[in-house]
Amino acid sequence: MSDTILVEDHGGWVEITLNRPDRMNSFTEEMHKALYAALAKAKDDGKRAVLLTGAGRGFCAGQDLGDRDPSKMDGPPDLGKTVRELWAPLVRMIRSLECPVICAVNGVAAGAGANLTLACDFVLAAESAKFIQSFAKVGLIPDTGGSWNLPHLIGEARAKGLALTAEPITAQKAEDWGLIWKALPDDQLMEEARGYAARFAEGPTLGFAETKACIQEAATNSLDEHLEREAVAMKRCGESADYAEGVAAFLGKRAPVFKGK
């Protein structure tokens, strides 16, 4: 495993840390591949929650532009290839994992780093953190799903404002606007994030997976299509051992012990 990514196994869940603090955890191709491999392993190992965070003072500054500098190349870089082969697979992997993916934003999240957080299911941020759609500063568009997620989360006016001005917003404003779940005091961030990861890992994983999928699909389904999608999800959940345990625990006035099945 590359040292650009740190992985800590907690049994039912895994903590993954972006680890290029000297470069604000900006991504190289090696780092892209390492993070994808860590997420794929979590999926293969049946982890019931994933926590993603960053080392040092920042969460992620996006793509490391050092190896995408036209002045050091024979011609312009193919940034479309970078999106197709590196960023898009990460977004698809996070969205397809059948468990909650928590993001603990410990500092600045800029460019693709900001939009990587939006691909996650449950985002907590330190109050000192900032989110910056910095693409306009270098003549680019919000990639890594940013131009799709931003208008869906905060509306077209705010999405265009953030994208065109590249102005940073605070974690508190991100919470107020509905970009993230919660802004927390810096010294409480990781304790809260790990607490949620452990809690989700002990929860009804199949129900979480279907909840995640249904909410993600809502943006493109019609109401009639989505009502049927809910019926399919409810049938699957209703046949699960976790549902039977949940009902038994409720009727027995005790805490449920979910197996994630």
C-alpha atoms as a PDB file:
ATOM      1  CA  MET A   1       0.000   0.000   0.000  1.00  0.00           C
ATOM      2  CA  SER A   2       1.287   3.487  -0.892  1.00  0.00           C
ATOM      3  CA  ASP A   3       2.201   5.730   2.032  1.00  0.00           C
ATOM      4  CA  THR A   4       0.118   8.496   0.423  1.00  0.00           C
ATOM      5  CA  ILE A   5      -2.871   6.796   2.069  1.00  0.00           C
ATOM      6  CA  LEU A   6      -3.050   5.542   5.664  1.00  0.00           C
ATOM      7  CA  VAL A   7      -5.563   2.816   6.535  1.00  0.00           C
ATOM      8  CA  GLU A   8      -6.603   1.900  10.072  1.00  0.00           C
ATOM      9  CA  ASP A   9      -8.856  -1.119  10.494  1.00  0.00           C
ATOM     10  CA  HIS A  10     -11.376  -0.895  13.329  1.00  0.00           C
ATOM     11  CA  GLY A  11     -13.066  -4.227  12.706  1.00  0.00           C
ATOM     12  CA  GLY A  12     -16.492  -3.313  11.411  1.00  0.00           C
ATOM     13  CA  TRP A  13     -15.289  -0.033   9.907  1.00  0.00           C
ATOM     14  CA  VAL A  14     -12.147   1.443   8.423  1.00  0.00           C
ATOM     15  CA  GLU A  15     -10.503   4.870   8.689  1.00  0.00           C
ATOM     16  CA  ILE A  16      -8.689   6.136   5.595  1.00  0.00           C
ATOM     17  CA  THR A  17      -6.422   9.185   5.812  1.00  0.00           C
ATOM     18  CA  LEU A  18      -5.104  11.200   2.864  1.00  0.00           C
ATOM     19  CA  ASN A  19      -1.411  11.462   3.684  1.00  0.00           C
ATOM     20  CA  ARG A  20       0.491  14.111   1.742  1.00  0.00           C
ATOM     21  CA  PRO A  21       0.324  16.839   4.406  1.00  0.00           C
ATOM     22  CA  ASP A  22       3.291  18.732   2.954  1.00  0.00           C
ATOM     23  CA  ARG A  23       1.235  19.196  -0.233  1.00  0.00           C
ATOM     24  CA  MET A  24      -2.133  19.769   1.468  1.00  0.00           C
ATOM     25  CA  ASN A  25      -3.004  16.173   0.513  1.00  0.00           C
ATOM     26  CA  SER A  26      -3.229  17.081  -3.154  1.00  0.00           C
ATOM     27  CA  PHE A  27      -3.574  14.035  -5.387  1.00  0.00           C
ATOM     28  CA  THR A  28      -0.984  12.382  -7.572  1.00  0.00           C
ATOM     29  CA  GLU A  29      -1.774   9.376  -9.756  1.00  0.00           C
ATOM     30  CA  GLU A  30      -0.200   7.144  -7.109  1.00  0.00           C
ATOM     31  CA  MET A  31      -2.523   8.586  -4.485  1.00  0.00           C
ATOM     32  CA  HIS A  32      -5.594   8.169  -6.697  1.00  0.00           C
ATOM     33  CA  LYS A  33      -4.807   4.502  -7.170  1.00  0.00           C
ATOM     34  CA  ALA A  34      -4.036   3.977  -3.478  1.00  0.00           C
ATOM     35  CA  LEU A  35      -7.320   5.530  -2.320  1.00  0.00           C
ATOM     36  CA  TYR A  36      -9.305   3.554  -4.881  1.00  0.00           C
ATOM     37  CA  ALA A  37      -7.598   0.351  -3.745  1.00  0.00           C
ATOM     38  CA  ALA A  38      -8.336   1.125  -0.079  1.00  0.00           C
ATOM     39  CA  LEU A  39     -12.012   1.756  -0.841  1.00  0.00           C
ATOM     40  CA  ALA A  40     -12.226  -1.414  -2.946  1.00  0.00           C
ATOM     41  CA  LYS A  41     -10.691  -3.432  -0.112  1.00  0.00           C
ATOM     42  CA  ALA A  42     -13.206  -1.997   2.343  1.00  0.00           C
ATOM     43  CA  LYS A  43     -15.941  -3.127  -0.028  1.00  0.00           C
ATOM     44  CA  ASP A  44     -14.440  -6.595  -0.502  1.00  0.00           C
ATOM     45  CA  ASP A  45     -13.926  -6.987   3.247  1.00  0.00           C
ATOM     46  CA  GLY A  46     -17.576  -6.153   3.922  1.00  0.00           C
ATOM     47  CA  LYS A  47     -16.827  -3.098   6.065  1.00  0.00           C
ATOM     48  CA  ARG A  48     -19.999  -1.533   7.439  1.00  0.00           C
ATOM     49  CA  ALA A  49     -18.703   2.057   7.466  1.00  0.00           C
ATOM     50  CA  VAL A  50     -15.804   4.044   6.010  1.00  0.00           C
ATOM     51  CA  LEU A  51     -14.306   7.228   7.474  1.00  0.00           C
ATOM     52  CA  LEU A  52     -12.265   9.477   5.172  1.00  0.00           C
ATOM     53  CA  THR A  53     -10.130  12.338   6.502  1.00  0.00           C
ATOM     54  CA  GLY A  54      -6.867  14.167   5.859  1.00  0.00           C
ATOM     55  CA  ALA A  55      -3.483  14.414   7.588  1.00  0.00           C
ATOM     56  CA  GLY A  56      -2.054  17.739   8.698  1.00  0.00           C
ATOM     57  CA  ARG A  57      -3.728  21.134   8.486  1.00  0.00           C
ATOM     58  CA  GLY A  58      -5.792  20.554   5.345  1.00  0.00           C
ATOM     59  CA  PHE A  59      -8.211  17.975   4.045  1.00  0.00           C
ATOM     60  CA  CYS A  60      -7.330  18.096   0.344  1.00  0.00           C
ATOM     61  CA  ALA A  61      -6.257  20.728  -2.182  1.00  0.00           C
ATOM     62  CA  GLY A  62      -7.478  18.676  -5.142  1.00  0.00           C
ATOM     63  CA  GLN A  63      -5.184  17.605  -7.950  1.00  0.00           C
ATOM     64  CA  ASP A  64      -1.465  18.274  -7.586  1.00  0.00           C
ATOM     65  CA  LEU A  65      -0.916  20.627 -10.534  1.00  0.00           C
ATOM     66  CA  GLY A  66       2.823  20.041 -10.529  1.00  0.00           C
ATOM     67  CA  ASP A  67       2.474  17.149 -12.956  1.00  0.00           C
ATOM     68  CA  ARG A  68      -0.232  18.953 -14.955  1.00  0.00           C
ATOM     69  CA  ASP A  69       1.823  22.098 -15.662  1.00  0.00           C
ATOM     70  CA  PRO A  70       1.712  22.915 -19.421  1.00  0.00           C
ATOM     71  CA  SER A  71       5.041  24.784 -19.194  1.00  0.00           C
ATOM     72  CA  LYS A  72       6.751  21.526 -18.261  1.00  0.00           C
ATOM     73  CA  MET A  73       5.066  19.388 -20.936  1.00  0.00           C
ATOM     74  CA  ASP A  74       5.402  18.962 -24.668  1.00  0.00           C
ATOM     75  CA  GLY A  75       1.729  19.911 -25.073  1.00  0.00           C
ATOM     76  CA  PRO A  76      -1.361  20.644 -23.037  1.00  0.00           C
ATOM     77  CA  PRO A  77      -2.399  17.990 -20.507  1.00  0.00           C
ATOM     78  CA  ASP A  78      -5.486  15.878 -21.168  1.00  0.00           C
ATOM     79  CA  LEU A  79      -7.479  16.860 -18.095  1.00  0.00           C
ATOM     80  CA  GLY A  80     -10.496  14.997 -19.437  1.00  0.00           C
ATOM     81  CA  LYS A  81      -8.457  11.813 -19.100  1.00  0.00           C
ATOM     82  CA  THR A  82      -7.582  12.781 -15.512  1.00  0.00           C
ATOM     83  CA  VAL A  83     -11.285  13.106 -14.713  1.00  0.00           C
ATOM     84  CA  ARG A  84     -12.353   9.936 -16.547  1.00  0.00           C
ATOM     85  CA  GLU A  85      -9.582   7.674 -15.270  1.00  0.00           C
ATOM     86  CA  LEU A  86      -8.846   9.049 -11.799  1.00  0.00           C
ATOM     87  CA  TRP A  87     -11.492  11.302 -10.217  1.00  0.00           C
ATOM     88  CA  ALA A  88     -14.660   9.794 -11.668  1.00  0.00           C
ATOM     89  CA  PRO A  89     -13.785   6.240 -10.516  1.00  0.00           C
ATOM     90  CA  LEU A  90     -13.316   7.527  -6.957  1.00  0.00           C
ATOM     91  CA  VAL A  91     -16.708   9.263  -6.987  1.00  0.00           C
ATOM     92  CA  ARG A  92     -18.403   6.183  -8.422  1.00  0.00           C
ATOM     93  CA  MET A  93     -16.738   3.915  -5.874  1.00  0.00           C
ATOM     94  CA  ILE A  94     -17.789   6.080  -2.914  1.00  0.00           C
ATOM     95  CA  ARG A  95     -21.352   6.383  -4.189  1.00  0.00           C
ATOM     96  CA  SER A  96     -21.642   2.652  -4.863  1.00  0.00           C
ATOM     97  CA  LEU A  97     -20.296   1.393  -1.523  1.00  0.00           C
ATOM     98  CA  GLU A  98     -23.125  -0.353   0.310  1.00  0.00           C
ATOM     99  CA  CYS A  99     -22.309   1.341   3.598  1.00  0.00           C
ATOM    100  CA  PRO A 100     -22.128   4.918   4.882  1.00  0.00           C
ATOM    101  CA  VAL A 101     -19.016   6.869   3.879  1.00  0.00           C
ATOM    102  CA  ILE A 102     -18.254   9.559   6.453  1.00  0.00           C
ATOM    103  CA  CYS A 103     -15.976  12.463   5.588  1.00  0.00           C
ATOM    104  CA  ALA A 104     -14.236  14.390   8.390  1.00  0.00           C
ATOM    105  CA  VAL A 105     -13.006  17.625   6.805  1.00  0.00           C
ATOM    106  CA  ASN A 106     -10.144  18.668   9.068  1.00  0.00           C
ATOM    107  CA  GLY A 107      -9.059  21.761   7.129  1.00  0.00           C
ATOM    108  CA  VAL A 108      -9.233  23.413   3.740  1.00  0.00           C
ATOM    109  CA  ALA A 109     -11.028  21.410   1.039  1.00  0.00           C
ATOM    110  CA  ALA A 110     -10.349  23.021  -2.327  1.00  0.00           C
ATOM    111  CA  GLY A 111     -11.075  22.156  -5.945  1.00  0.00           C
ATOM    112  CA  ALA A 112     -11.567  18.454  -6.471  1.00  0.00           C
ATOM    113  CA  GLY A 113     -10.846  18.035  -2.759  1.00  0.00           C
ATOM    114  CA  ALA A 114     -13.994  20.020  -1.935  1.00  0.00           C
ATOM    115  CA  ASN A 115     -16.040  17.994  -4.383  1.00  0.00           C
ATOM    116  CA  LEU A 116     -14.671  14.693  -3.105  1.00  0.00           C
ATOM    117  CA  THR A 117     -16.329  15.542   0.209  1.00  0.00           C
ATOM    118  CA  LEU A 118     -19.662  16.039  -1.567  1.00  0.00           C
ATOM    119  CA  ALA A 119     -19.475  12.512  -2.961  1.00  0.00           C
ATOM    120  CA  CYS A 120     -19.509  11.166   0.601  1.00  0.00           C
ATOM    121  CA  ASP A 121     -22.700  10.338   2.469  1.00  0.00           C
ATOM    122  CA  PHE A 122     -22.181  12.085   5.783  1.00  0.00           C
ATOM    123  CA  VAL A 123     -19.875  15.098   6.006  1.00  0.00           C
ATOM    124  CA  LEU A 124     -18.584  16.640   9.228  1.00  0.00           C
ATOM    125  CA  ALA A 125     -16.180  19.584   9.189  1.00  0.00           C
ATOM    126  CA  ALA A 126     -13.985  21.376  11.685  1.00  0.00           C
ATOM    127  CA  GLU A 127     -15.183  24.941  12.268  1.00  0.00           C
ATOM    128  CA  SER A 128     -11.834  26.199  10.952  1.00  0.00           C
ATOM    129  CA  ALA A 129     -12.278  24.327   7.657  1.00  0.00           C
ATOM    130  CA  LYS A 130     -13.099  26.109   4.411  1.00  0.00           C
ATOM    131  CA  PHE A 131     -14.595  24.871   1.158  1.00  0.00           C
ATOM    132  CA  ILE A 132     -13.304  26.459  -2.039  1.00  0.00           C
ATOM    133  CA  GLN A 133     -14.416  25.836  -5.611  1.00  0.00           C
ATOM    134  CA  SER A 134     -11.018  27.050  -6.806  1.00  0.00           C
ATOM    135  CA  PHE A 135     -11.329  25.935 -10.432  1.00  0.00           C
ATOM    136  CA  ALA A 136     -12.087  29.434 -11.784  1.00  0.00           C
ATOM    137  CA  LYS A 137      -8.661  30.575 -10.603  1.00  0.00           C
ATOM    138  CA  VAL A 138      -7.023  28.288 -13.168  1.00  0.00           C
ATOM    139  CA  GLY A 139      -9.631  28.443 -15.926  1.00  0.00           C
ATOM    140  CA  LEU A 140     -11.371  25.120 -15.179  1.00  0.00           C
ATOM    141  CA  ILE A 141     -14.829  23.860 -14.266  1.00  0.00           C
ATOM    142  CA  PRO A 142     -15.905  22.160 -10.995  1.00  0.00           C
ATOM    143  CA  ASP A 143     -15.180  18.499 -11.659  1.00  0.00           C
ATOM    144  CA  THR A 144     -15.273  15.373  -9.462  1.00  0.00           C
ATOM    145  CA  GLY A 145     -19.067  15.663  -9.578  1.00  0.00           C
ATOM    146  CA  GLY A 146     -19.027  19.262  -8.364  1.00  0.00           C
ATOM    147  CA  SER A 147     -21.043  20.748 -11.211  1.00  0.00           C
ATOM    148  CA  TRP A 148     -23.718  18.074 -10.552  1.00  0.00           C
ATOM    149  CA  ASN A 149     -23.719  17.998  -6.752  1.00  0.00           C
ATOM    150  CA  LEU A 150     -23.570  21.744  -6.102  1.00  0.00           C
ATOM    151  CA  PRO A 151     -26.835  22.727  -7.842  1.00  0.00           C
ATOM    152  CA  HIS A 152     -28.599  19.665  -6.426  1.00  0.00           C
ATOM    153  CA  LEU A 153     -27.504  20.546  -2.889  1.00  0.00           C
ATOM    154  CA  ILE A 154     -27.674  24.351  -2.806  1.00  0.00           C
ATOM    155  CA  GLY A 155     -29.434  25.469  -6.000  1.00  0.00           C
ATOM    156  CA  GLU A 156     -28.221  27.018  -9.243  1.00  0.00           C
ATOM    157  CA  ALA A 157     -27.649  30.557  -7.962  1.00  0.00           C
ATOM    158  CA  ARG A 158     -25.350  29.565  -5.112  1.00  0.00           C
ATOM    159  CA  ALA A 159     -23.654  26.882  -7.196  1.00  0.00           C
ATOM    160  CA  LYS A 160     -22.783  29.396  -9.908  1.00  0.00           C
ATOM    161  CA  GLY A 161     -21.712  31.947  -7.328  1.00  0.00           C
ATOM    162  CA  LEU A 162     -19.248  29.573  -5.687  1.00  0.00           C
ATOM    163  CA  ALA A 163     -17.965  28.272  -9.023  1.00  0.00           C
ATOM    164  CA  LEU A 164     -17.537  31.628 -10.756  1.00  0.00           C
ATOM    165  CA  THR A 165     -16.000  33.569  -7.860  1.00  0.00           C
ATOM    166  CA  ALA A 166     -13.928  30.796  -6.240  1.00  0.00           C
ATOM    167  CA  GLU A 167     -14.724  32.487  -2.922  1.00  0.00           C
ATOM    168  CA  PRO A 168     -14.207  30.253   0.142  1.00  0.00           C
ATOM    169  CA  ILE A 169     -17.065  29.482   2.475  1.00  0.00           C
ATOM    170  CA  THR A 170     -16.745  28.492   6.106  1.00  0.00           C
ATOM    171  CA  ALA A 171     -17.769  25.149   7.517  1.00  0.00           C
ATOM    172  CA  GLN A 172     -20.634  26.857   9.345  1.00  0.00           C
ATOM    173  CA  LYS A 173     -21.951  28.379   6.130  1.00  0.00           C
ATOM    174  CA  ALA A 174     -21.572  25.006   4.405  1.00  0.00           C
ATOM    175  CA  GLU A 175     -23.771  23.535   7.149  1.00  0.00           C
ATOM    176  CA  ASP A 176     -26.269  26.402   6.926  1.00  0.00           C
ATOM    177  CA  TRP A 177     -26.534  25.993   3.154  1.00  0.00           C
ATOM    178  CA  GLY A 178     -26.951  22.210   3.328  1.00  0.00           C
ATOM    179  CA  LEU A 179     -23.615  21.270   1.753  1.00  0.00           C
ATOM    180  CA  ILE A 180     -22.571  19.248   4.814  1.00  0.00           C
ATOM    181  CA  TRP A 181     -24.218  17.643   7.830  1.00  0.00           C
ATOM    182  CA  LYS A 182     -22.500  19.505  10.651  1.00  0.00           C
ATOM    183  CA  ALA A 183     -19.685  21.913  11.587  1.00  0.00           C
ATOM    184  CA  LEU A 184     -17.926  21.032  14.841  1.00  0.00           C
ATOM    185  CA  PRO A 185     -15.260  22.562  17.098  1.00  0.00           C
ATOM    186  CA  ASP A 186     -11.876  21.494  15.768  1.00  0.00           C
ATOM    187  CA  ASP A 187     -10.988  19.486  18.861  1.00  0.00           C
ATOM    188  CA  GLN A 188     -14.214  17.490  18.641  1.00  0.00           C
ATOM    189  CA  LEU A 189     -14.138  16.587  14.945  1.00  0.00           C
ATOM    190  CA  MET A 190     -12.356  13.246  14.940  1.00  0.00           C
ATOM    191  CA  GLU A 191     -13.965  11.980  18.141  1.00  0.00           C
ATOM    192  CA  GLU A 192     -17.410  12.713  16.679  1.00  0.00           C
ATOM    193  CA  ALA A 193     -16.510  11.266  13.282  1.00  0.00           C
ATOM    194  CA  ARG A 194     -15.149   8.042  14.770  1.00  0.00           C
ATOM    195  CA  GLY A 195     -18.188   7.807  17.000  1.00  0.00           C
ATOM    196  CA  TYR A 196     -20.507   7.998  14.015  1.00  0.00           C
ATOM    197  CA  ALA A 197     -18.407   5.435  12.124  1.00  0.00           C
ATOM    198  CA  ALA A 198     -18.632   2.978  15.012  1.00  0.00           C
ATOM    199  CA  ARG A 199     -22.361   3.644  15.378  1.00  0.00           C
ATOM    200  CA  PHE A 200     -23.063   3.099  11.689  1.00  0.00           C
ATOM    201  CA  ALA A 201     -20.941  -0.063  11.706  1.00  0.00           C
ATOM    202  CA  GLU A 202     -23.273  -1.511  14.317  1.00  0.00           C
ATOM    203  CA  GLY A 203     -26.403  -0.458  12.462  1.00  0.00           C
ATOM    204  CA  PRO A 204     -28.702  -2.102   9.891  1.00  0.00           C
ATOM    205  CA  THR A 205     -26.219  -2.043   7.018  1.00  0.00           C
ATOM    206  CA  LEU A 206     -28.606  -3.311   4.355  1.00  0.00           C
ATOM    207  CA  GLY A 207     -31.122  -0.635   5.311  1.00  0.00           C
ATOM    208  CA  PHE A 208     -28.394   2.005   5.210  1.00  0.00           C
ATOM    209  CA  ALA A 209     -27.285   0.807   1.769  1.00  0.00           C
ATOM    210  CA  GLU A 210     -30.824   0.957   0.375  1.00  0.00           C
ATOM    211  CA  THR A 211     -31.412   4.359   1.979  1.00  0.00           C
ATOM    212  CA  LYS A 212     -28.215   5.676   0.397  1.00  0.00           C
ATOM    213  CA  ALA A 213     -29.136   4.270  -3.024  1.00  0.00           C
ATOM    214  CA  CYS A 214     -32.707   5.582  -2.954  1.00  0.00           C
ATOM    215  CA  ILE A 215     -31.669   9.103  -1.983  1.00  0.00           C
ATOM    216  CA  GLN A 216     -28.960   9.160  -4.660  1.00  0.00           C
ATOM    217  CA  GLU A 217     -31.386   7.967  -7.331  1.00  0.00           C
ATOM    218  CA  ALA A 218     -34.084  10.487  -6.367  1.00  0.00           C
ATOM    219  CA  ALA A 219     -32.415  13.262  -8.365  1.00  0.00           C
ATOM    220  CA  THR A 220     -33.022  11.483 -11.664  1.00  0.00           C
ATOM    221  CA  ASN A 221     -36.180   9.420 -10.990  1.00  0.00           C
ATOM    222  CA  SER A 222     -39.730  10.567 -11.596  1.00  0.00           C
ATOM    223  CA  LEU A 223     -42.068  10.305  -8.601  1.00  0.00           C
ATOM    224  CA  ASP A 224     -43.754   7.209 -10.038  1.00  0.00           C
ATOM    225  CA  GLU A 225     -40.387   5.577 -10.733  1.00  0.00           C
ATOM    226  CA  HIS A 226     -39.223   6.405  -7.253  1.00  0.00           C
ATOM    227  CA  LEU A 227     -42.309   5.053  -5.530  1.00  0.00           C
ATOM    228  CA  GLU A 228     -41.603   1.724  -7.231  1.00  0.00           C
ATOM    229  CA  ARG A 229     -37.921   1.982  -6.278  1.00  0.00           C
ATOM    230  CA  GLU A 230     -38.965   2.416  -2.663  1.00  0.00           C
ATOM    231  CA  ALA A 231     -41.190  -0.653  -2.888  1.00  0.00           C
ATOM    232  CA  VAL A 232     -38.291  -2.739  -4.196  1.00  0.00           C
ATOM    233  CA  ALA A 233     -36.020  -1.467  -1.401  1.00  0.00           C
ATOM    234  CA  MET A 234     -38.646  -2.082   1.281  1.00  0.00           C
ATOM    235  CA  LYS A 235     -39.213  -5.642   0.060  1.00  0.00           C
ATOM    236  CA  ARG A 236     -35.495  -6.351   0.299  1.00  0.00           C
ATOM    237  CA  CYS A 237     -35.174  -4.751   3.729  1.00  0.00           C
ATOM    238  CA  GLY A 238     -38.316  -6.440   5.023  1.00  0.00           C
ATOM    239  CA  GLU A 239     -36.842  -9.836   4.212  1.00  0.00           C
ATOM    240  CA  SER A 240     -33.628  -9.102   6.108  1.00  0.00           C
ATOM    241  CA  ALA A 241     -32.487 -10.476   9.446  1.00  0.00           C
ATOM    242  CA  ASP A 242     -31.883  -6.907  10.607  1.00  0.00           C
ATOM    243  CA  TYR A 243     -35.551  -5.997  10.162  1.00  0.00           C
ATOM    244  CA  ALA A 244     -36.630  -9.051  12.147  1.00  0.00           C
ATOM    245  CA  GLU A 245     -34.152  -8.147  14.869  1.00  0.00           C
ATOM    246  CA  GLY A 246     -35.234  -4.509  14.865  1.00  0.00           C
ATOM    247  CA  VAL A 247     -38.904  -5.420  15.318  1.00  0.00           C
ATOM    248  CA  ALA A 248     -38.082  -7.990  18.017  1.00  0.00           C
ATOM    249  CA  ALA A 249     -35.967  -5.436  19.868  1.00  0.00           C
ATOM    250  CA  PHE A 250     -38.655  -2.760  19.585  1.00  0.00           C
ATOM    251  CA  LEU A 251     -41.388  -5.048  20.887  1.00  0.00           C
ATOM    252  CA  GLY A 252     -39.075  -6.424  23.569  1.00  0.00           C
ATOM    253  CA  LYS A 253     -38.045  -2.917  24.642  1.00  0.00           C
ATOM    254  CA  ARG A 254     -34.334  -3.643  24.260  1.00  0.00           C
ATOM    255  CA  ALA A 255     -31.473  -2.396  22.097  1.00  0.00           C
ATOM    256  CA  PRO A 256     -31.219  -4.186  18.726  1.00  0.00           C
ATOM    257  CA  VAL A 257     -28.132  -6.201  17.775  1.00  0.00           C
ATOM    258  CA  PHE A 258     -27.853  -5.810  14.033  1.00  0.00           C
ATOM    259  CA  LYS A 259     -25.676  -8.106  11.918  1.00  0.00           C
ATOM    260  CA  GLY A 260     -25.764  -5.976   8.780  1.00  0.00           C
ATOM    261  CA  LYS A 261     -27.736  -8.597   6.834  1.00  0.00           C
END
